Amino acid sequence: MRLPRRLVAVGAAIMLVAVGCSSAPAALTPIKLQLQWFPQAQFAGYFAAVDQGYYKAEGLDVTILPGGVDIVPATVVAGGNAEFGISWVPKALAARESGADIQFIGQVFQRSGTLQISWKDSGITKPEDWRGKKVGTWGFGNEAELYAAMQKVGMDPTNASDVTIVSQDFTMTAFLNGEIDAAQAMIYNEYAQVLEAKNPDTGSLYTADALDVISMESAGTAMLQDGIFASQAYLKDHEDVAVKFLRASFKGWMFCRDNAAKCVDSVLAADAKLPKGHQTWQLNEISGLIWPSPNGIGMMDGAAFARTVQVALDGKILTQAPDADAWTNSYAEKALKDLAGDAKGESWTKATVTLTEGGQ
């Protein structure tokens, strides 16, 4: 007996519903992201993308791997132990020159946060004033911007008669003790550590007007920092994953721009080593390095990349300019195409963050 067409359609619909009910949810794609340092607000957008479900919404299960002094993200990614990594551009390019298979696909930080700070009574207000002084740097490639700024004004950082370069640890103790005249500091970290310390002569915290600050942006030797990269071998077969990862990450940074307090909580929950007050300052300053993003978050500026390469060559971080495959905007462009919301942040303004002793 032949069933009426309507009954056949109803039966098919019931079968489809039954199949849909019995099928398991699509499995999430496991992804590892290697940071270049320990969890802190410098990476808030990625933690927010986890906590807000942005990665999950893209079908990704992202595990964030903490970095450290002895961890080279480019080596981790090139070795297949993480799909994506975060690194200062010149450091990753140096690894690439040594054979690491990596390509930058998203440039989140649009500006450099590197400073040299000094006390007002040191009389150091411009790069020329470093001559004859004790100037600190962390090394490990972090000195390139500083050395380029010195060379730009006719100073040889390797000549002790020009300047005394002092190896600086990752605290501001030597500076606070008066052992160096100018100290290297990130605007979002070590600079705040000084302002979180008490002046023993007054019993009050140091204030910004006690310091002179020279930024590498103002010196004209700024290098790009905190870019996202992956191996080209991985990207060849996983373009869709890369675009999804970038889109969710960009959403995380946009969320942090507009919801700073919630993002600080995400960072603290990820076992950040420095306390809430310091992380609040850090996120505010990090946002200043990202926003505005004139071409949209994650887009690499070719001129800024070229300047970074030139400073790296002058500082002997690189021996030759990288080839055209070192970076691409193609993945970021695709991520931005389907990204809702303000991806440029042109109206964003810095908040006023009041620091307390020890960054509490």
Protein backbone atom coordinates (compact mmCIF):
# COMPACT_ATOMS: atom_id res chain seq x y z
CA MET A 1 0.00 0.00 0.00
CA ARG A 2 1.28 3.40 -0.94
CA LEU A 3 1.17 6.01 1.85
CA PRO A 4 -0.13 9.51 1.15
CA ARG A 5 2.61 12.02 0.40
CA ARG A 6 1.80 14.02 3.56
CA LEU A 7 2.31 10.96 5.80
CA VAL A 8 5.63 10.19 4.12
CA ALA A 9 6.82 13.75 4.81
CA VAL A 10 5.73 13.57 8.44
CA GLY A 11 7.47 10.25 8.91
CA ALA A 12 10.69 11.63 7.39
CA ALA A 13 10.55 14.64 9.69
CA ILE A 14 10.13 12.39 12.73
CA MET A 15 13.12 10.33 11.65
CA LEU A 16 15.23 13.47 11.21
CA VAL A 17 14.28 14.70 14.67
CA ALA A 18 15.10 11.31 16.15
CA VAL A 19 18.48 11.24 14.44
CA GLY A 20 19.19 14.81 15.59
CA CYS A 21 18.32 13.93 19.17
CA SER A 22 20.56 10.88 19.22
CA SER A 23 23.62 12.50 17.61
CA ALA A 24 26.35 13.81 19.93
CA PRO A 25 27.43 17.48 19.84
CA ALA A 26 30.28 18.23 17.46
CA ALA A 27 33.62 17.71 19.18
CA LEU A 28 35.70 20.82 19.88
CA THR A 29 39.08 21.12 18.20
CA PRO A 30 41.84 21.09 20.87
CA ILE A 31 44.24 24.02 20.56
CA LYS A 32 47.23 25.11 22.62
CA LEU A 33 48.39 28.73 22.86
CA GLN A 34 51.94 29.31 24.12
CA LEU A 35 52.44 32.61 25.96
CA GLN A 36 55.83 34.30 26.15
CA TRP A 37 55.54 35.05 29.87
CA PHE A 38 53.64 34.10 32.98
CA PRO A 39 49.87 34.79 33.15
CA GLN A 40 49.21 38.50 33.54
CA ALA A 41 47.03 41.21 32.02
CA GLN A 42 49.41 41.40 29.06
CA PHE A 43 47.48 38.34 27.82
CA ALA A 44 44.05 39.24 29.20
CA GLY A 45 42.25 38.99 25.87
CA TYR A 46 43.08 35.30 25.51
CA PHE A 47 41.93 34.43 29.02
CA ALA A 48 38.75 36.43 28.39
CA ALA A 49 38.13 34.52 25.15
CA VAL A 50 38.21 31.30 27.20
CA ASP A 51 36.05 32.59 30.05
CA GLN A 52 33.48 34.29 27.80
CA GLY A 53 33.13 31.21 25.61
CA TYR A 54 34.39 32.88 22.43
CA TYR A 55 36.75 30.03 21.55
CA LYS A 56 34.11 27.43 22.32
CA ALA A 57 31.62 29.25 20.09
CA GLU A 58 34.13 28.85 17.25
CA GLY A 59 34.43 25.12 17.95
CA LEU A 60 37.80 25.40 19.72
CA ASP A 61 38.94 24.03 23.07
CA VAL A 62 41.89 26.31 23.88
CA THR A 63 44.49 25.56 26.53
CA ILE A 64 46.75 28.49 27.43
CA LEU A 65 50.33 27.50 28.26
CA PRO A 66 52.26 29.88 30.56
CA GLY A 67 55.65 31.12 29.42
CA GLY A 68 58.81 31.96 31.32
CA VAL A 69 62.45 32.96 31.05
CA ASP A 70 63.52 29.64 29.53
CA ILE A 71 60.55 29.17 27.18
CA VAL A 72 60.84 30.25 23.54
CA PRO A 73 57.32 30.26 22.05
CA ALA A 74 58.59 30.03 18.47
CA THR A 75 60.46 26.82 19.32
CA VAL A 76 57.40 25.38 21.05
CA VAL A 77 55.16 26.11 18.05
CA ALA A 78 57.69 25.02 15.44
CA GLY A 79 58.15 21.78 17.37
CA GLY A 80 54.43 21.03 17.18
CA ASN A 81 53.84 21.40 20.93
CA ALA A 82 51.39 24.28 20.48
CA GLU A 83 49.36 25.46 17.50
CA PHE A 84 49.72 29.20 18.20
CA GLY A 85 52.20 31.38 20.05
CA ILE A 86 52.64 34.93 21.29
CA SER A 87 56.01 36.66 21.04
CA TRP A 88 57.75 39.94 20.47
CA VAL A 89 58.22 40.06 16.73
CA PRO A 90 62.04 40.39 16.61
CA LYS A 91 62.57 37.44 18.96
CA ALA A 92 60.36 35.16 16.90
CA LEU A 93 62.00 36.38 13.68
CA ALA A 94 65.38 35.42 15.13
CA ALA A 95 64.06 31.92 15.78
CA ARG A 96 62.66 31.84 12.27
CA GLU A 97 66.03 32.81 10.84
CA SER A 98 67.49 29.85 12.74
CA GLY A 99 65.03 27.49 11.08
CA ALA A 100 61.82 27.67 13.09
CA ASP A 101 58.81 27.25 10.81
CA ILE A 102 56.61 30.17 11.91
CA GLN A 103 54.59 32.94 10.31
CA PHE A 104 52.96 35.94 12.00
CA ILE A 105 49.21 36.02 11.36
CA GLY A 106 47.93 38.61 13.85
CA GLN A 107 49.60 41.75 15.20
CA VAL A 108 47.62 42.66 18.31
CA PHE A 109 49.96 45.30 19.80
CA GLN A 110 50.18 48.33 17.53
CA ARG A 111 52.73 50.17 19.65
CA SER A 112 55.81 49.42 21.77
CA GLY A 113 55.54 49.63 25.55
CA THR A 114 59.29 49.85 26.19
CA LEU A 115 60.64 52.76 28.26
CA GLN A 116 63.86 53.95 29.84
CA ILE A 117 63.08 55.74 33.09
CA SER A 118 65.28 57.93 35.27
CA TRP A 119 64.96 60.15 38.32
CA LYS A 120 64.38 63.85 37.71
CA ASP A 121 67.70 64.78 39.30
CA SER A 122 69.58 62.61 36.76
CA GLY A 123 68.91 65.15 34.03
CA ILE A 124 68.08 62.46 31.48
CA THR A 125 65.27 63.71 29.27
CA LYS A 126 66.42 62.56 25.81
CA PRO A 127 68.59 59.74 24.40
CA GLU A 128 71.66 61.99 24.15
CA ASP A 129 71.60 62.30 27.95
CA TRP A 130 72.48 58.62 28.40
CA ARG A 131 76.06 59.45 27.46
CA GLY A 132 78.38 58.86 30.41
CA LYS A 133 75.58 57.28 32.48
CA LYS A 134 74.86 53.80 33.83
CA VAL A 135 72.00 52.50 31.72
CA GLY A 136 70.21 49.25 32.52
CA THR A 137 68.76 46.64 30.18
CA TRP A 138 67.46 43.09 30.58
CA GLY A 139 69.29 41.75 27.54
CA PHE A 140 67.85 38.63 25.87
CA GLY A 141 67.06 40.76 22.81
CA ASN A 142 65.21 43.39 24.86
CA GLU A 143 68.09 45.80 24.40
CA ALA A 144 67.63 46.28 20.65
CA GLU A 145 65.32 49.29 20.84
CA LEU A 146 67.56 50.95 23.42
CA TYR A 147 70.76 50.33 21.49
CA ALA A 148 69.18 51.58 18.28
CA ALA A 149 68.14 54.78 20.06
CA MET A 150 71.72 55.25 21.27
CA GLN A 151 73.19 54.64 17.85
CA LYS A 152 70.72 57.07 16.35
CA VAL A 153 72.30 59.89 18.39
CA GLY A 154 75.89 58.80 17.72
CA MET A 155 76.44 56.71 20.84
CA ASP A 156 78.07 53.27 20.79
CA PRO A 157 76.52 51.00 23.44
CA THR A 158 79.55 48.70 23.27
CA ASN A 159 81.96 51.56 24.03
CA ALA A 160 82.34 52.10 27.78
CA SER A 161 83.62 55.62 27.19
CA ASP A 162 80.22 56.47 25.67
CA VAL A 163 77.91 54.71 28.11
CA THR A 164 78.01 52.02 30.77
CA ILE A 165 75.52 49.26 30.04
CA VAL A 166 74.36 47.47 33.18
CA SER A 167 72.69 44.06 33.18
CA GLN A 168 69.34 44.60 34.86
CA ASP A 169 67.22 41.88 36.44
CA PHE A 170 63.45 41.75 36.11
CA THR A 171 62.86 43.86 39.20
CA MET A 172 63.39 47.58 39.74
CA THR A 173 65.59 47.09 42.81
CA ALA A 174 68.78 48.43 41.22
CA PHE A 175 66.97 51.53 40.03
CA LEU A 176 65.26 52.14 43.37
CA ASN A 177 68.62 51.72 45.13
CA GLY A 178 70.29 54.27 42.85
CA GLU A 179 72.67 51.72 41.29
CA ILE A 180 71.74 52.73 37.72
CA ASP A 181 70.85 56.08 36.23
CA ALA A 182 68.29 54.84 33.71
CA ALA A 183 66.33 51.59 33.87
CA GLN A 184 64.50 49.61 31.26
CA ALA A 185 60.80 49.28 32.03
CA MET A 186 57.59 48.26 30.31
CA ILE A 187 54.90 50.89 30.69
CA TYR A 188 52.49 48.21 31.83
CA ASN A 189 54.78 46.51 34.35
CA GLU A 190 58.10 47.75 35.74
CA TYR A 191 57.17 51.42 35.46
CA ALA A 192 54.19 50.71 37.72
CA GLN A 193 56.41 48.78 40.13
CA VAL A 194 58.34 51.99 40.80
CA LEU A 195 55.12 53.90 41.43
CA GLU A 196 54.01 51.14 43.81
CA ALA A 197 57.14 51.61 45.95
CA LYS A 198 57.55 53.97 48.89
CA ASN A 199 60.01 56.83 48.84
CA PRO A 200 62.00 56.28 52.08
CA ASP A 201 62.54 60.05 52.41
CA THR A 202 58.82 60.87 52.45
CA GLY A 203 57.13 57.64 53.46
CA SER A 204 54.75 58.05 50.51
CA LEU A 205 54.62 56.29 47.17
CA TYR A 206 56.73 57.64 44.35
CA THR A 207 54.79 59.66 41.82
CA ALA A 208 55.16 60.10 38.08
CA ASP A 209 56.49 63.64 38.50
CA ALA A 210 59.58 62.21 40.22
CA LEU A 211 60.57 60.50 36.96
CA ASP A 212 61.65 61.32 33.45
CA VAL A 213 60.53 58.84 30.81
CA ILE A 214 61.89 58.17 27.33
CA SER A 215 59.71 55.85 25.26
CA MET A 216 61.08 53.92 22.33
CA GLU A 217 58.12 55.21 20.33
CA SER A 218 59.29 58.81 20.87
CA ALA A 219 62.90 57.78 20.17
CA GLY A 220 61.82 56.41 16.80
CA THR A 221 63.21 52.92 17.40
CA ALA A 222 60.08 51.10 18.55
CA MET A 223 59.76 47.43 17.63
CA LEU A 224 56.56 45.42 17.31
CA GLN A 225 55.63 43.28 20.29
CA ASP A 226 53.09 40.56 21.11
CA GLY A 227 52.23 39.17 17.71
CA ILE A 228 50.36 35.90 17.09
CA PHE A 229 52.03 33.25 14.97
CA ALA A 230 51.70 29.64 13.87
CA SER A 231 53.77 27.26 11.78
CA GLN A 232 53.27 27.49 8.04
CA ALA A 233 52.97 23.72 7.87
CA TYR A 234 50.01 23.87 10.28
CA LEU A 235 48.43 26.85 8.54
CA LYS A 236 48.54 25.10 5.19
CA ASP A 237 45.97 22.54 6.36
CA HIS A 238 44.16 24.54 9.06
CA GLU A 239 43.32 27.94 7.62
CA ASP A 240 39.79 27.75 9.01
CA VAL A 241 41.07 27.03 12.53
CA ALA A 242 43.49 29.96 12.35
CA VAL A 243 40.72 32.35 11.31
CA LYS A 244 38.44 31.09 14.08
CA PHE A 245 41.22 31.39 16.65
CA LEU A 246 41.98 34.96 15.61
CA ARG A 247 38.34 36.00 15.54
CA ALA A 248 37.73 34.67 19.07
CA SER A 249 40.98 36.21 20.34
CA PHE A 250 40.11 39.60 18.85
CA LYS A 251 36.69 39.37 20.53
CA GLY A 252 38.47 38.68 23.80
CA TRP A 253 40.55 41.84 23.49
CA MET A 254 37.49 43.88 22.50
CA PHE A 255 35.72 42.53 25.58
CA CYS A 256 38.65 43.53 27.79
CA ARG A 257 38.67 47.01 26.30
CA ASP A 258 35.04 47.45 27.33
CA ASN A 259 34.98 45.30 30.49
CA ALA A 260 38.34 45.83 32.16
CA ALA A 261 37.34 44.75 35.68
CA LYS A 262 35.97 41.40 34.49
CA CYS A 263 39.12 40.75 32.50
CA VAL A 264 41.34 41.49 35.48
CA ASP A 265 39.35 38.87 37.39
CA SER A 266 39.97 36.37 34.56
CA VAL A 267 43.71 37.04 34.76
CA LEU A 268 43.78 36.64 38.53
CA ALA A 269 41.86 33.38 38.24
CA ALA A 270 44.59 32.18 35.83
CA ASP A 271 47.18 32.43 38.65
CA ALA A 272 48.71 35.81 37.84
CA LYS A 273 51.80 36.43 39.95
CA LEU A 274 51.17 40.13 40.65
CA PRO A 275 48.10 41.43 42.54
CA LYS A 276 44.86 43.04 41.45
CA GLY A 277 45.88 46.70 41.56
CA HIS A 278 48.93 46.03 39.42
CA GLN A 279 46.93 43.93 36.93
CA THR A 280 44.36 46.73 36.65
CA TRP A 281 47.12 49.20 35.76
CA GLN A 282 48.64 46.69 33.36
CA LEU A 283 45.43 46.05 31.42
CA ASN A 284 44.78 49.78 31.11
CA GLU A 285 48.23 50.33 29.63
CA ILE A 286 48.02 47.22 27.43
CA SER A 287 44.79 48.56 25.97
CA GLY A 288 46.72 51.73 25.12
CA LEU A 289 49.15 49.63 23.06
CA ILE A 290 46.29 48.00 21.14
CA TRP A 291 43.74 50.79 20.71
CA PRO A 292 43.21 52.44 18.44
CA SER A 293 43.96 49.83 15.79
CA PRO A 294 43.61 51.95 12.63
CA ASN A 295 43.11 49.03 10.24
CA GLY A 296 41.31 46.78 12.70
CA ILE A 297 42.72 44.71 15.56
CA GLY A 298 45.32 42.18 14.51
CA MET A 299 46.36 43.85 11.27
CA MET A 300 50.10 44.17 10.70
CA ASP A 301 51.34 47.59 9.62
CA GLY A 302 53.95 47.04 6.93
CA ALA A 303 55.96 50.15 7.82
CA ALA A 304 56.11 49.19 11.50
CA PHE A 305 57.26 45.69 10.52
CA ALA A 306 59.97 47.14 8.27
CA ARG A 307 61.18 49.39 11.10
CA THR A 308 61.24 46.42 13.46
CA VAL A 309 63.35 44.45 11.02
CA GLN A 310 65.78 47.33 10.51
CA VAL A 311 66.27 47.79 14.26
CA ALA A 312 66.76 44.02 14.61
CA LEU A 313 69.37 44.07 11.83
CA ASP A 314 71.19 47.04 13.38
CA GLY A 315 71.12 45.31 16.76
CA LYS A 316 72.38 42.06 15.22
CA ILE A 317 69.28 40.16 16.33
CA LEU A 318 68.89 39.28 12.66
CA THR A 319 71.63 38.80 10.08
CA GLN A 320 69.31 39.31 7.11
CA ALA A 321 65.85 40.61 6.40
CA PRO A 322 63.15 37.91 6.51
CA ASP A 323 61.39 36.87 3.33
CA ALA A 324 57.86 37.89 2.41
CA ASP A 325 56.37 34.83 4.14
CA ALA A 326 57.36 36.09 7.59
CA TRP A 327 53.92 37.62 8.02
CA THR A 328 50.54 37.86 6.38
CA ASN A 329 47.34 39.78 7.02
CA SER A 330 45.19 37.27 5.13
CA TYR A 331 43.97 35.39 8.21
CA ALA A 332 43.29 38.55 10.21
CA GLU A 333 41.39 40.06 7.29
CA LYS A 334 39.11 37.00 7.14
CA ALA A 335 38.62 37.07 10.91
CA LEU A 336 37.70 40.76 10.85
CA LYS A 337 35.26 40.27 7.98
CA ASP A 338 32.90 38.27 10.20
CA LEU A 339 33.68 40.05 13.48
CA ALA A 340 30.81 42.05 14.95
CA GLY A 341 31.48 45.18 16.99
CA ASP A 342 34.09 47.93 17.07
CA ALA A 343 37.35 46.38 15.89
CA LYS A 344 39.23 49.69 15.70
CA GLY A 345 38.61 51.24 19.11
CA GLU A 346 39.04 54.80 17.91
CA SER A 347 36.90 56.22 20.72
CA TRP A 348 38.63 54.32 23.52
CA THR A 349 40.31 56.44 26.18
CA LYS A 350 42.58 55.41 29.01
CA ALA A 351 41.10 55.14 32.48
CA THR A 352 42.75 56.66 35.54
CA VAL A 353 44.19 53.89 37.72
CA THR A 354 45.38 54.74 41.23
CA LEU A 355 48.26 52.53 42.31
CA THR A 356 48.78 51.32 45.85
CA GLU A 357 51.83 49.98 47.66
CA GLY A 358 52.89 46.68 46.16
CA GLY A 359 50.11 46.85 43.56
CA GLN A 360 47.47 45.47 45.91
